[in-house]
Amino acid sequence: MSLSAVQLQQGLDALAALEPAFARMIAAIGYPEPRIRERGYQTLLRTIVGQQVSVAAANAIWSKLETVVGGGLAPERVAAASDEMLRLAGLSRQKVAYARSLAEHVADGRIDFTRLPEEDEEAIAQMTAIKGIGRWSAEIYLLFAEGRPDIWPAGDLAVQIETGRLLGLPERPSERETRRLAEAWRPHRGAAAIFTWHSYSARAASVKQPL
C-alpha cells in the first residue's frame, strides 16, 4: 500500500522540523496527494510496456496483450507466449525480452512480489536482476506500490532539480550529490521524494499560467 495522506503529512512535518526549507515550501504549495500503484507483477509489466511511449499507446498495447496472451496476463502465460505473439501486441524486440524476463522470474519463483525482502537495498537488487528493470523502476515500485517510507530515487531528474531548488543550490545536483544531500532526511526520504514531484508539478503549472 502506498504512503497515505496522513503518513505523507507526518513525514513532511518531521522534515520541516529538520530543514526550514521544507516548512517554507509546504506553506507555499501545501501537502502532496498520495501516489498509488497496485502491488504485484502487473505494475512492473505495465512499466515495461509504457517505457518510451505515450500513455495512449501504452494502453493500446496493454489491451492487445490482454487479447493475444489471455489469462489475465498471468506470468505463466506471458512466459509461454512466443516472441511473434508478443510482437503482434505491439511490443518491440527489446520489450519482448524484458516482459519475458519479468514473467519468467515470477513464474519460476525467483521473485515473489508478495514477499520482497524487507531491507530496501535487497529488494532493489532482487528486482533489478530482471532484464529491463533498473534502479529507478524498482525504487518507484517500492515507494508507490509498497509505501516504503525511506525510498529515495536520486536518479530522477525532477527529484534532483527540486532538491537543488529547495536547498538553494546554484546548479542541479548530480545523482550522487542528491543522494548525499538527503542522508539527513532519513527515515522520511520517501515523503521528501513525493514532495519534490509535487513541487516540480506546481512550478510547471505556475509557468503555464497566462499573464
N, C-alpha and C. Protein backbone atom coordinates (compact mmCIF):
# COMPACT_ATOMS: atom_id res chain seq x y z
N MET A 1 0.85 -1.20 0.00
CA MET A 1 0.00 0.00 0.00
C MET A 1 0.88 1.25 0.00
N SER A 2 0.47 2.25 -0.77
CA SER A 2 1.23 3.49 -0.85
C SER A 2 1.17 4.26 0.47
N LEU A 3 2.11 5.19 0.61
CA LEU A 3 2.06 6.09 1.75
C LEU A 3 0.74 6.85 1.74
N SER A 4 0.03 6.84 2.85
CA SER A 4 -1.25 7.54 2.93
C SER A 4 -1.03 9.04 3.08
N ALA A 5 -2.13 9.79 2.94
CA ALA A 5 -2.05 11.24 3.11
C ALA A 5 -1.55 11.59 4.51
N VAL A 6 -2.01 10.84 5.50
CA VAL A 6 -1.58 11.10 6.89
C VAL A 6 -0.09 10.80 7.05
N GLN A 7 0.36 9.69 6.49
CA GLN A 7 1.78 9.33 6.58
C GLN A 7 2.66 10.35 5.87
N LEU A 8 2.20 10.82 4.70
CA LEU A 8 2.93 11.85 3.97
C LEU A 8 3.06 13.11 4.81
N GLN A 9 1.94 13.54 5.39
CA GLN A 9 1.95 14.76 6.19
C GLN A 9 2.86 14.61 7.40
N GLN A 10 2.80 13.47 8.06
CA GLN A 10 3.66 13.25 9.23
C GLN A 10 5.13 13.26 8.83
N GLY A 11 5.45 12.61 7.71
CA GLY A 11 6.82 12.59 7.24
C GLY A 11 7.33 13.98 6.89
N LEU A 12 6.49 14.74 6.21
CA LEU A 12 6.90 16.09 5.82
C LEU A 12 6.98 17.04 7.01
N ASP A 13 6.12 16.85 7.98
CA ASP A 13 6.22 17.67 9.19
C ASP A 13 7.53 17.39 9.92
N ALA A 14 7.93 16.12 9.93
CA ALA A 14 9.22 15.77 10.55
C ALA A 14 10.37 16.40 9.77
N LEU A 15 10.26 16.40 8.44
CA LEU A 15 11.30 17.02 7.61
C LEU A 15 11.33 18.54 7.80
N ALA A 16 10.16 19.13 7.95
CA ALA A 16 10.10 20.59 8.15
C ALA A 16 10.78 20.99 9.46
N ALA A 17 10.72 20.10 10.44
CA ALA A 17 11.40 20.38 11.72
C ALA A 17 12.92 20.27 11.57
N LEU A 18 13.36 19.44 10.62
CA LEU A 18 14.80 19.27 10.37
C LEU A 18 15.36 20.34 9.43
N GLU A 19 14.57 20.68 8.43
CA GLU A 19 15.03 21.56 7.36
C GLU A 19 13.99 22.65 7.11
N PRO A 20 14.29 23.91 7.51
CA PRO A 20 13.31 25.00 7.35
C PRO A 20 12.81 25.19 5.92
N ALA A 21 13.61 24.81 4.93
CA ALA A 21 13.18 24.97 3.54
C ALA A 21 11.93 24.15 3.25
N PHE A 22 11.79 22.99 3.88
CA PHE A 22 10.57 22.20 3.71
C PHE A 22 9.37 22.96 4.27
N ALA A 23 9.55 23.54 5.43
CA ALA A 23 8.45 24.29 6.05
C ALA A 23 7.99 25.44 5.15
N ARG A 24 8.95 26.15 4.56
CA ARG A 24 8.60 27.27 3.67
C ARG A 24 7.85 26.79 2.43
N MET A 25 8.33 25.69 1.84
CA MET A 25 7.70 25.19 0.62
C MET A 25 6.33 24.59 0.90
N ILE A 26 6.18 23.91 2.02
CA ILE A 26 4.87 23.36 2.38
C ILE A 26 3.86 24.49 2.57
N ALA A 27 4.30 25.56 3.21
CA ALA A 27 3.41 26.72 3.40
C ALA A 27 3.02 27.33 2.07
N ALA A 28 3.91 27.25 1.09
CA ALA A 28 3.65 27.88 -0.21
C ALA A 28 2.76 27.03 -1.10
N ILE A 29 2.97 25.71 -1.12
CA ILE A 29 2.24 24.87 -2.09
C ILE A 29 1.41 23.76 -1.46
N GLY A 30 1.46 23.61 -0.15
CA GLY A 30 0.65 22.60 0.53
C GLY A 30 1.26 21.21 0.46
N TYR A 31 0.52 20.26 1.01
CA TYR A 31 0.98 18.87 1.05
C TYR A 31 0.61 18.15 -0.26
N PRO A 32 1.41 17.19 -0.68
CA PRO A 32 1.07 16.43 -1.90
C PRO A 32 0.00 15.39 -1.63
N GLU A 33 -0.65 14.97 -2.70
CA GLU A 33 -1.59 13.85 -2.61
C GLU A 33 -0.79 12.55 -2.68
N PRO A 34 -1.32 11.47 -2.10
CA PRO A 34 -0.64 10.17 -2.20
C PRO A 34 -0.52 9.73 -3.66
N ARG A 35 0.52 8.99 -3.95
CA ARG A 35 0.70 8.39 -5.28
C ARG A 35 0.57 6.87 -5.09
N ILE A 36 -0.39 6.28 -5.77
CA ILE A 36 -0.73 4.88 -5.51
C ILE A 36 -0.61 4.04 -6.77
N ARG A 37 0.05 2.91 -6.65
CA ARG A 37 0.07 1.90 -7.70
C ARG A 37 -0.25 0.56 -7.07
N GLU A 38 -0.79 -0.35 -7.89
CA GLU A 38 -1.13 -1.67 -7.38
C GLU A 38 0.14 -2.46 -7.07
N ARG A 39 0.05 -3.26 -6.04
CA ARG A 39 1.16 -4.13 -5.68
C ARG A 39 1.14 -5.37 -6.57
N GLY A 40 2.29 -5.78 -7.09
CA GLY A 40 2.35 -7.01 -7.84
C GLY A 40 3.03 -6.90 -9.19
N TYR A 41 3.17 -8.03 -9.81
CA TYR A 41 3.93 -8.16 -11.05
C TYR A 41 3.37 -7.31 -12.20
N GLN A 42 2.03 -7.17 -12.26
CA GLN A 42 1.45 -6.43 -13.39
C GLN A 42 1.86 -4.96 -13.40
N THR A 43 2.12 -4.38 -12.25
CA THR A 43 2.58 -3.00 -12.21
C THR A 43 3.94 -2.86 -12.89
N LEU A 44 4.84 -3.82 -12.68
CA LEU A 44 6.14 -3.80 -13.35
C LEU A 44 5.98 -4.09 -14.84
N LEU A 45 5.05 -4.97 -15.20
CA LEU A 45 4.80 -5.25 -16.61
C LEU A 45 4.28 -4.00 -17.31
N ARG A 46 3.41 -3.27 -16.64
CA ARG A 46 2.92 -2.00 -17.20
C ARG A 46 4.05 -0.99 -17.36
N THR A 47 4.98 -0.99 -16.42
CA THR A 47 6.14 -0.10 -16.52
C THR A 47 6.94 -0.41 -17.78
N ILE A 48 7.16 -1.69 -18.04
CA ILE A 48 7.90 -2.10 -19.23
C ILE A 48 7.14 -1.69 -20.49
N VAL A 49 5.85 -1.97 -20.53
CA VAL A 49 5.03 -1.64 -21.70
C VAL A 49 5.05 -0.14 -21.97
N GLY A 50 5.06 0.66 -20.89
CA GLY A 50 4.96 2.11 -21.03
C GLY A 50 6.26 2.84 -21.29
N GLN A 51 7.38 2.12 -21.29
CA GLN A 51 8.66 2.78 -21.50
C GLN A 51 8.73 3.42 -22.87
N GLN A 52 9.02 4.73 -22.89
CA GLN A 52 9.31 5.49 -24.12
C GLN A 52 8.14 5.54 -25.11
N VAL A 53 6.91 5.37 -24.61
CA VAL A 53 5.73 5.56 -25.46
C VAL A 53 4.72 6.41 -24.70
N SER A 54 3.76 6.96 -25.42
CA SER A 54 2.73 7.78 -24.78
C SER A 54 1.80 6.91 -23.94
N VAL A 55 1.05 7.54 -23.07
CA VAL A 55 0.08 6.82 -22.24
C VAL A 55 -0.94 6.12 -23.12
N ALA A 56 -1.41 6.82 -24.15
CA ALA A 56 -2.41 6.24 -25.05
C ALA A 56 -1.86 5.00 -25.76
N ALA A 57 -0.62 5.10 -26.23
CA ALA A 57 0.00 3.96 -26.92
C ALA A 57 0.19 2.80 -25.96
N ALA A 58 0.62 3.09 -24.74
CA ALA A 58 0.82 2.03 -23.74
C ALA A 58 -0.50 1.33 -23.42
N ASN A 59 -1.57 2.09 -23.30
CA ASN A 59 -2.88 1.50 -23.02
C ASN A 59 -3.34 0.61 -24.18
N ALA A 60 -3.07 1.05 -25.40
CA ALA A 60 -3.45 0.26 -26.57
C ALA A 60 -2.68 -1.05 -26.62
N ILE A 61 -1.38 -0.99 -26.34
CA ILE A 61 -0.56 -2.19 -26.34
C ILE A 61 -1.02 -3.15 -25.24
N TRP A 62 -1.31 -2.60 -24.08
CA TRP A 62 -1.78 -3.43 -22.96
C TRP A 62 -3.07 -4.16 -23.32
N SER A 63 -3.97 -3.45 -23.96
CA SER A 63 -5.24 -4.06 -24.37
C SER A 63 -5.00 -5.20 -25.36
N LYS A 64 -4.09 -4.99 -26.31
CA LYS A 64 -3.76 -6.04 -27.28
C LYS A 64 -3.11 -7.23 -26.59
N LEU A 65 -2.23 -6.96 -25.63
CA LEU A 65 -1.59 -8.04 -24.89
C LEU A 65 -2.64 -8.90 -24.18
N GLU A 66 -3.60 -8.25 -23.55
CA GLU A 66 -4.65 -9.00 -22.85
C GLU A 66 -5.42 -9.89 -23.81
N THR A 67 -5.65 -9.39 -25.02
CA THR A 67 -6.38 -10.16 -26.02
C THR A 67 -5.54 -11.31 -26.57
N VAL A 68 -4.29 -11.02 -26.91
CA VAL A 68 -3.43 -12.01 -27.55
C VAL A 68 -2.96 -13.08 -26.57
N VAL A 69 -2.53 -12.68 -25.38
CA VAL A 69 -1.97 -13.61 -24.41
C VAL A 69 -3.07 -14.28 -23.59
N GLY A 70 -4.09 -13.48 -23.20
CA GLY A 70 -5.19 -14.01 -22.41
C GLY A 70 -4.78 -14.35 -20.99
N GLY A 71 -5.69 -15.00 -20.27
CA GLY A 71 -5.39 -15.46 -18.93
C GLY A 71 -5.07 -14.37 -17.94
N GLY A 72 -5.57 -13.14 -18.20
CA GLY A 72 -5.28 -12.05 -17.29
C GLY A 72 -3.81 -11.66 -17.25
N LEU A 73 -3.09 -12.03 -18.33
CA LEU A 73 -1.64 -11.76 -18.44
C LEU A 73 -0.87 -12.40 -17.28
N ALA A 74 -1.33 -13.57 -16.87
CA ALA A 74 -0.62 -14.31 -15.83
C ALA A 74 0.82 -14.53 -16.28
N PRO A 75 1.76 -14.50 -15.34
CA PRO A 75 3.17 -14.63 -15.74
C PRO A 75 3.46 -15.90 -16.52
N GLU A 76 2.77 -16.99 -16.18
CA GLU A 76 2.99 -18.24 -16.91
C GLU A 76 2.56 -18.11 -18.37
N ARG A 77 1.49 -17.34 -18.61
CA ARG A 77 1.01 -17.16 -19.99
C ARG A 77 1.97 -16.29 -20.78
N VAL A 78 2.48 -15.22 -20.14
CA VAL A 78 3.42 -14.33 -20.82
C VAL A 78 4.73 -15.07 -21.10
N ALA A 79 5.21 -15.84 -20.13
CA ALA A 79 6.46 -16.58 -20.31
C ALA A 79 6.35 -17.60 -21.43
N ALA A 80 5.16 -18.18 -21.59
CA ALA A 80 4.97 -19.22 -22.60
C ALA A 80 4.66 -18.65 -23.98
N ALA A 81 4.29 -17.38 -24.06
CA ALA A 81 3.93 -16.77 -25.34
C ALA A 81 5.16 -16.66 -26.25
N SER A 82 4.95 -16.84 -27.54
CA SER A 82 6.06 -16.73 -28.48
C SER A 82 6.43 -15.27 -28.69
N ASP A 83 7.65 -15.06 -29.17
CA ASP A 83 8.07 -13.69 -29.48
C ASP A 83 7.13 -13.07 -30.50
N GLU A 84 6.71 -13.86 -31.48
CA GLU A 84 5.81 -13.35 -32.53
C GLU A 84 4.49 -12.88 -31.94
N MET A 85 3.99 -13.63 -30.96
CA MET A 85 2.72 -13.27 -30.33
C MET A 85 2.86 -11.94 -29.58
N LEU A 86 3.96 -11.79 -28.86
CA LEU A 86 4.16 -10.56 -28.10
C LEU A 86 4.44 -9.37 -29.02
N ARG A 87 5.13 -9.62 -30.12
CA ARG A 87 5.37 -8.55 -31.10
C ARG A 87 4.05 -8.14 -31.75
N LEU A 88 3.17 -9.09 -31.97
CA LEU A 88 1.87 -8.80 -32.57
C LEU A 88 1.06 -7.83 -31.70
N ALA A 89 1.28 -7.90 -30.39
CA ALA A 89 0.57 -6.99 -29.48
C ALA A 89 1.16 -5.59 -29.48
N GLY A 90 2.35 -5.44 -30.11
CA GLY A 90 2.93 -4.10 -30.21
C GLY A 90 4.22 -3.89 -29.44
N LEU A 91 4.74 -4.95 -28.80
CA LEU A 91 5.99 -4.81 -28.05
C LEU A 91 7.18 -4.84 -29.01
N SER A 92 8.16 -4.00 -28.74
CA SER A 92 9.40 -4.04 -29.50
C SER A 92 10.17 -5.30 -29.12
N ARG A 93 11.21 -5.64 -29.90
CA ARG A 93 12.02 -6.82 -29.57
C ARG A 93 12.62 -6.69 -28.17
N GLN A 94 13.07 -5.47 -27.84
CA GLN A 94 13.66 -5.24 -26.53
C GLN A 94 12.63 -5.45 -25.42
N LYS A 95 11.43 -4.93 -25.61
CA LYS A 95 10.39 -5.07 -24.59
C LYS A 95 9.90 -6.51 -24.48
N VAL A 96 9.94 -7.25 -25.58
CA VAL A 96 9.60 -8.68 -25.52
C VAL A 96 10.56 -9.38 -24.55
N ALA A 97 11.85 -9.08 -24.68
CA ALA A 97 12.84 -9.68 -23.79
C ALA A 97 12.61 -9.27 -22.34
N TYR A 98 12.27 -8.00 -22.14
CA TYR A 98 12.03 -7.50 -20.78
C TYR A 98 10.78 -8.17 -20.16
N ALA A 99 9.70 -8.21 -20.93
CA ALA A 99 8.45 -8.80 -20.42
C ALA A 99 8.63 -10.28 -20.12
N ARG A 100 9.38 -10.97 -20.99
CA ARG A 100 9.62 -12.39 -20.77
C ARG A 100 10.48 -12.61 -19.51
N SER A 101 11.51 -11.78 -19.33
CA SER A 101 12.36 -11.91 -18.15
C SER A 101 11.55 -11.72 -16.87
N LEU A 102 10.72 -10.70 -16.85
CA LEU A 102 9.86 -10.46 -15.67
C LEU A 102 8.95 -11.65 -15.42
N ALA A 103 8.26 -12.10 -16.48
CA ALA A 103 7.31 -13.20 -16.32
C ALA A 103 8.00 -14.48 -15.85
N GLU A 104 9.17 -14.76 -16.40
CA GLU A 104 9.90 -15.97 -16.01
C GLU A 104 10.38 -15.90 -14.56
N HIS A 105 10.84 -14.73 -14.14
CA HIS A 105 11.27 -14.57 -12.75
C HIS A 105 10.12 -14.84 -11.78
N VAL A 106 8.91 -14.39 -12.14
CA VAL A 106 7.74 -14.61 -11.27
C VAL A 106 7.27 -16.06 -11.37
N ALA A 107 7.19 -16.57 -12.59
CA ALA A 107 6.65 -17.91 -12.81
C ALA A 107 7.50 -18.99 -12.14
N ASP A 108 8.83 -18.83 -12.15
CA ASP A 108 9.67 -19.88 -11.56
C ASP A 108 10.07 -19.59 -10.11
N GLY A 109 9.49 -18.51 -9.53
CA GLY A 109 9.67 -18.25 -8.11
C GLY A 109 10.94 -17.51 -7.74
N ARG A 110 11.68 -17.01 -8.73
CA ARG A 110 12.88 -16.24 -8.38
C ARG A 110 12.53 -14.94 -7.69
N ILE A 111 11.32 -14.43 -7.94
CA ILE A 111 10.87 -13.23 -7.24
C ILE A 111 9.40 -13.40 -6.90
N ASP A 112 9.03 -12.98 -5.71
CA ASP A 112 7.64 -13.04 -5.24
C ASP A 112 7.28 -11.65 -4.74
N PHE A 113 6.41 -10.96 -5.47
CA PHE A 113 6.08 -9.58 -5.12
C PHE A 113 5.24 -9.46 -3.86
N THR A 114 4.79 -10.58 -3.32
CA THR A 114 4.10 -10.53 -2.02
C THR A 114 5.08 -10.74 -0.87
N ARG A 115 6.34 -11.08 -1.21
CA ARG A 115 7.32 -11.37 -0.15
C ARG A 115 8.69 -10.84 -0.53
N LEU A 116 8.75 -9.60 -0.97
CA LEU A 116 10.04 -8.99 -1.27
C LEU A 116 10.83 -8.80 0.03
N PRO A 117 12.16 -8.81 -0.04
CA PRO A 117 12.96 -8.59 1.18
C PRO A 117 12.57 -7.29 1.87
N GLU A 118 12.57 -7.31 3.19
CA GLU A 118 12.21 -6.11 3.94
C GLU A 118 13.27 -5.02 3.81
N GLU A 119 14.52 -5.41 3.68
CA GLU A 119 15.59 -4.44 3.53
C GLU A 119 15.54 -3.86 2.12
N ASP A 120 15.48 -2.54 2.02
CA ASP A 120 15.23 -1.89 0.73
C ASP A 120 16.26 -2.25 -0.34
N GLU A 121 17.53 -2.20 0.00
CA GLU A 121 18.56 -2.48 -0.99
C GLU A 121 18.50 -3.92 -1.47
N GLU A 122 18.13 -4.84 -0.60
CA GLU A 122 17.97 -6.24 -1.02
C GLU A 122 16.80 -6.38 -1.98
N ALA A 123 15.72 -5.67 -1.70
CA ALA A 123 14.56 -5.71 -2.60
C ALA A 123 14.90 -5.11 -3.95
N ILE A 124 15.64 -4.01 -3.95
CA ILE A 124 16.04 -3.36 -5.21
C ILE A 124 16.95 -4.30 -6.00
N ALA A 125 17.88 -4.96 -5.34
CA ALA A 125 18.79 -5.88 -6.02
C ALA A 125 18.02 -7.03 -6.65
N GLN A 126 17.02 -7.54 -5.95
CA GLN A 126 16.22 -8.64 -6.47
C GLN A 126 15.43 -8.20 -7.70
N MET A 127 14.89 -7.01 -7.66
CA MET A 127 14.09 -6.51 -8.78
C MET A 127 14.95 -6.15 -9.99
N THR A 128 16.12 -5.59 -9.76
CA THR A 128 16.97 -5.17 -10.87
C THR A 128 17.69 -6.35 -11.53
N ALA A 129 17.53 -7.55 -10.97
CA ALA A 129 18.03 -8.75 -11.63
C ALA A 129 17.16 -9.10 -12.84
N ILE A 130 15.97 -8.50 -12.90
CA ILE A 130 15.06 -8.69 -14.03
C ILE A 130 15.52 -7.79 -15.17
N LYS A 131 15.62 -8.34 -16.35
CA LYS A 131 16.05 -7.57 -17.51
C LYS A 131 15.05 -6.43 -17.76
N GLY A 132 15.57 -5.22 -17.92
CA GLY A 132 14.72 -4.07 -18.23
C GLY A 132 14.22 -3.32 -17.01
N ILE A 133 14.46 -3.83 -15.81
CA ILE A 133 14.06 -3.13 -14.58
C ILE A 133 15.31 -2.54 -13.95
N GLY A 134 15.45 -1.22 -14.06
CA GLY A 134 16.58 -0.53 -13.46
C GLY A 134 16.28 -0.07 -12.05
N ARG A 135 17.25 0.57 -11.46
CA ARG A 135 17.09 1.02 -10.07
C ARG A 135 15.90 1.97 -9.92
N TRP A 136 15.75 2.91 -10.88
CA TRP A 136 14.66 3.88 -10.78
C TRP A 136 13.30 3.17 -10.75
N SER A 137 13.10 2.22 -11.66
CA SER A 137 11.83 1.49 -11.72
C SER A 137 11.58 0.73 -10.42
N ALA A 138 12.63 0.11 -9.89
CA ALA A 138 12.49 -0.63 -8.63
C ALA A 138 12.14 0.31 -7.48
N GLU A 139 12.80 1.46 -7.43
CA GLU A 139 12.53 2.42 -6.35
C GLU A 139 11.11 2.97 -6.45
N ILE A 140 10.67 3.29 -7.67
CA ILE A 140 9.31 3.81 -7.84
C ILE A 140 8.28 2.77 -7.41
N TYR A 141 8.52 1.51 -7.75
CA TYR A 141 7.61 0.45 -7.33
C TYR A 141 7.55 0.37 -5.80
N LEU A 142 8.71 0.33 -5.17
CA LEU A 142 8.74 0.19 -3.71
C LEU A 142 8.10 1.37 -3.00
N LEU A 143 8.22 2.56 -3.58
CA LEU A 143 7.64 3.75 -2.97
C LEU A 143 6.13 3.81 -3.19
N PHE A 144 5.69 3.59 -4.43
CA PHE A 144 4.27 3.79 -4.75
C PHE A 144 3.40 2.56 -4.52
N ALA A 145 3.94 1.37 -4.73
CA ALA A 145 3.13 0.16 -4.58
C ALA A 145 3.23 -0.43 -3.17
N GLU A 146 4.40 -0.28 -2.53
CA GLU A 146 4.56 -0.84 -1.20
C GLU A 146 4.57 0.22 -0.10
N GLY A 147 4.69 1.48 -0.48
CA GLY A 147 4.66 2.53 0.52
C GLY A 147 5.85 2.52 1.45
N ARG A 148 7.01 2.09 0.95
CA ARG A 148 8.19 2.08 1.81
C ARG A 148 8.62 3.52 2.08
N PRO A 149 8.79 3.90 3.34
CA PRO A 149 8.91 5.31 3.70
C PRO A 149 10.25 5.97 3.43
N ASP A 150 11.31 5.18 3.18
CA ASP A 150 12.62 5.80 3.07
C ASP A 150 13.26 5.60 1.69
N ILE A 151 12.43 5.36 0.68
CA ILE A 151 12.94 5.21 -0.68
C ILE A 151 13.27 6.59 -1.25
N TRP A 152 14.44 6.70 -1.86
CA TRP A 152 14.90 7.99 -2.37
C TRP A 152 15.45 7.81 -3.79
N PRO A 153 14.62 8.01 -4.82
CA PRO A 153 15.06 7.83 -6.21
C PRO A 153 15.91 9.00 -6.70
N ALA A 154 17.15 9.02 -6.26
CA ALA A 154 18.03 10.16 -6.53
C ALA A 154 18.39 10.31 -8.01
N GLY A 155 18.16 9.27 -8.79
CA GLY A 155 18.44 9.36 -10.22
C GLY A 155 17.36 10.05 -11.01
N ASP A 156 16.25 10.38 -10.38
CA ASP A 156 15.13 11.04 -11.07
C ASP A 156 15.45 12.52 -11.29
N LEU A 157 15.25 12.98 -12.52
CA LEU A 157 15.61 14.36 -12.87
C LEU A 157 14.83 15.38 -12.04
N ALA A 158 13.52 15.18 -11.88
CA ALA A 158 12.72 16.13 -11.11
C ALA A 158 13.14 16.15 -9.64
N VAL A 159 13.50 15.00 -9.11
CA VAL A 159 13.97 14.95 -7.72
C VAL A 159 15.26 15.75 -7.58
N GLN A 160 16.15 15.61 -8.53
CA GLN A 160 17.41 16.37 -8.50
C GLN A 160 17.15 17.87 -8.61
N ILE A 161 16.32 18.26 -9.57
CA ILE A 161 16.03 19.68 -9.79
C ILE A 161 15.42 20.32 -8.54
N GLU A 162 14.41 19.65 -7.98
CA GLU A 162 13.70 20.26 -6.85
C GLU A 162 14.47 20.16 -5.55
N THR A 163 15.33 19.17 -5.42
CA THR A 163 16.21 19.13 -4.24
C THR A 163 17.16 20.32 -4.27
N GLY A 164 17.74 20.58 -5.45
CA GLY A 164 18.62 21.73 -5.59
C GLY A 164 17.90 23.03 -5.35
N ARG A 165 16.70 23.13 -5.87
CA ARG A 165 15.90 24.35 -5.69
C ARG A 165 15.52 24.54 -4.22
N LEU A 166 15.09 23.46 -3.59
CA LEU A 166 14.69 23.50 -2.19
C LEU A 166 15.83 24.01 -1.30
N LEU A 167 17.03 23.55 -1.60
CA LEU A 167 18.19 23.89 -0.77
C LEU A 167 18.94 25.12 -1.27
N GLY A 168 18.43 25.75 -2.32
CA GLY A 168 19.03 26.98 -2.81
C GLY A 168 20.38 26.78 -3.47
N LEU A 169 20.58 25.63 -4.14
CA LEU A 169 21.85 25.37 -4.79
C LEU A 169 21.93 26.08 -6.14
N PRO A 170 23.11 26.49 -6.57
CA PRO A 170 23.22 27.21 -7.84
C PRO A 170 23.01 26.33 -9.07
N GLU A 171 23.23 25.02 -8.94
CA GLU A 171 23.08 24.10 -10.07
C GLU A 171 22.38 22.83 -9.60
N ARG A 172 21.80 22.12 -10.57
CA ARG A 172 21.16 20.85 -10.24
C ARG A 172 22.21 19.87 -9.75
N PRO A 173 22.00 19.26 -8.58
CA PRO A 173 22.98 18.30 -8.07
C PRO A 173 22.96 17.01 -8.88
N SER A 174 24.08 16.32 -8.91
CA SER A 174 24.17 15.03 -9.57
C SER A 174 23.40 13.99 -8.76
N GLU A 175 23.24 12.81 -9.34
CA GLU A 175 22.57 11.73 -8.61
C GLU A 175 23.31 11.43 -7.30
N ARG A 176 24.62 11.35 -7.38
CA ARG A 176 25.41 11.05 -6.19
C ARG A 176 25.25 12.14 -5.13
N GLU A 177 25.28 13.40 -5.56
CA GLU A 177 25.13 14.51 -4.63
C GLU A 177 23.72 14.56 -4.06
N THR A 178 22.72 14.28 -4.91
CA THR A 178 21.33 14.26 -4.45
C THR A 178 21.14 13.20 -3.37
N ARG A 179 21.79 12.07 -3.56
CA ARG A 179 21.70 11.00 -2.56
C ARG A 179 22.37 11.44 -1.25
N ARG A 180 23.52 12.10 -1.37
CA ARG A 180 24.24 12.55 -0.18
C ARG A 180 23.45 13.61 0.58
N LEU A 181 22.85 14.56 -0.16
CA LEU A 181 22.13 15.65 0.48
C LEU A 181 20.95 15.16 1.31
N ALA A 182 20.37 14.04 0.90
CA ALA A 182 19.17 13.55 1.58
C ALA A 182 19.47 12.62 2.75
N GLU A 183 20.72 12.35 3.03
CA GLU A 183 21.05 11.44 4.13
C GLU A 183 20.45 11.92 5.45
N ALA A 184 20.43 13.22 5.63
CA ALA A 184 19.91 13.77 6.89
C ALA A 184 18.38 13.64 6.98
N TRP A 185 17.75 13.28 5.87
CA TRP A 185 16.28 13.19 5.85
C TRP A 185 15.75 11.81 6.17
N ARG A 186 16.65 10.85 6.39
CA ARG A 186 16.19 9.52 6.80
C ARG A 186 15.41 9.62 8.12
N PRO A 187 14.37 8.85 8.35
CA PRO A 187 13.79 7.81 7.51
C PRO A 187 12.57 8.29 6.71
N HIS A 188 12.59 9.55 6.30
CA HIS A 188 11.42 10.14 5.64
C HIS A 188 11.70 10.54 4.18
N ARG A 189 12.68 9.89 3.57
CA ARG A 189 13.06 10.31 2.21
C ARG A 189 11.98 10.01 1.18
N GLY A 190 11.12 9.04 1.46
CA GLY A 190 10.02 8.77 0.54
C GLY A 190 9.07 9.95 0.46
N ALA A 191 8.72 10.50 1.62
CA ALA A 191 7.87 11.70 1.65
C ALA A 191 8.56 12.86 0.97
N ALA A 192 9.88 12.98 1.17
CA ALA A 192 10.64 14.05 0.52
C ALA A 192 10.59 13.91 -0.99
N ALA A 193 10.72 12.67 -1.50
CA ALA A 193 10.68 12.44 -2.94
C ALA A 193 9.33 12.84 -3.52
N ILE A 194 8.26 12.41 -2.86
CA ILE A 194 6.92 12.75 -3.35
C ILE A 194 6.71 14.26 -3.32
N PHE A 195 7.27 14.91 -2.32
CA PHE A 195 7.14 16.37 -2.24
C PHE A 195 7.91 17.05 -3.38
N THR A 196 9.07 16.51 -3.77
CA THR A 196 9.81 17.13 -4.88
C THR A 196 9.00 17.05 -6.17
N TRP A 197 8.31 15.95 -6.41
CA TRP A 197 7.47 15.86 -7.61
C TRP A 197 6.29 16.83 -7.51
N HIS A 198 5.74 16.95 -6.32
CA HIS A 198 4.64 17.91 -6.08
C HIS A 198 5.12 19.34 -6.36
N SER A 199 6.31 19.66 -5.89
CA SER A 199 6.88 20.98 -6.11
C SER A 199 7.18 21.22 -7.59
N TYR A 200 7.72 20.20 -8.25
CA TYR A 200 8.03 20.30 -9.68
C TYR A 200 6.77 20.56 -10.49
N SER A 201 5.70 19.82 -10.18
CA SER A 201 4.43 20.00 -10.89
C SER A 201 3.82 21.36 -10.62
N ALA A 202 3.90 21.82 -9.37
CA ALA A 202 3.35 23.13 -9.01
C ALA A 202 4.08 24.23 -9.74
N ARG A 203 5.39 24.10 -9.86
CA ARG A 203 6.18 25.12 -10.55
C ARG A 203 5.88 25.11 -12.06
N ALA A 204 5.74 23.91 -12.63
CA ALA A 204 5.42 23.81 -14.05
C ALA A 204 4.05 24.42 -14.34
N ALA A 205 3.09 24.20 -13.44
CA ALA A 205 1.75 24.75 -13.61
C ALA A 205 1.77 26.27 -13.53
N SER A 206 2.60 26.81 -12.63
CA SER A 206 2.65 28.27 -12.47
C SER A 206 3.28 28.92 -13.69
N VAL A 207 4.22 28.23 -14.32
CA VAL A 207 4.86 28.77 -15.53
C VAL A 207 3.86 28.84 -16.68
N LYS A 208 2.91 27.90 -16.71
CA LYS A 208 1.93 27.85 -17.80
C LYS A 208 0.79 28.83 -17.62
N GLN A 209 0.69 29.42 -16.42
CA GLN A 209 -0.41 30.35 -16.17
C GLN A 209 -0.29 31.58 -17.07
N PRO A 210 -1.39 31.99 -17.71
CA PRO A 210 -1.34 33.20 -18.54
C PRO A 210 -1.13 34.45 -17.70
N LEU A 211 -0.50 35.43 -18.28
CA LEU A 211 -0.26 36.69 -17.58
C LEU A 211 -1.55 37.48 -17.46
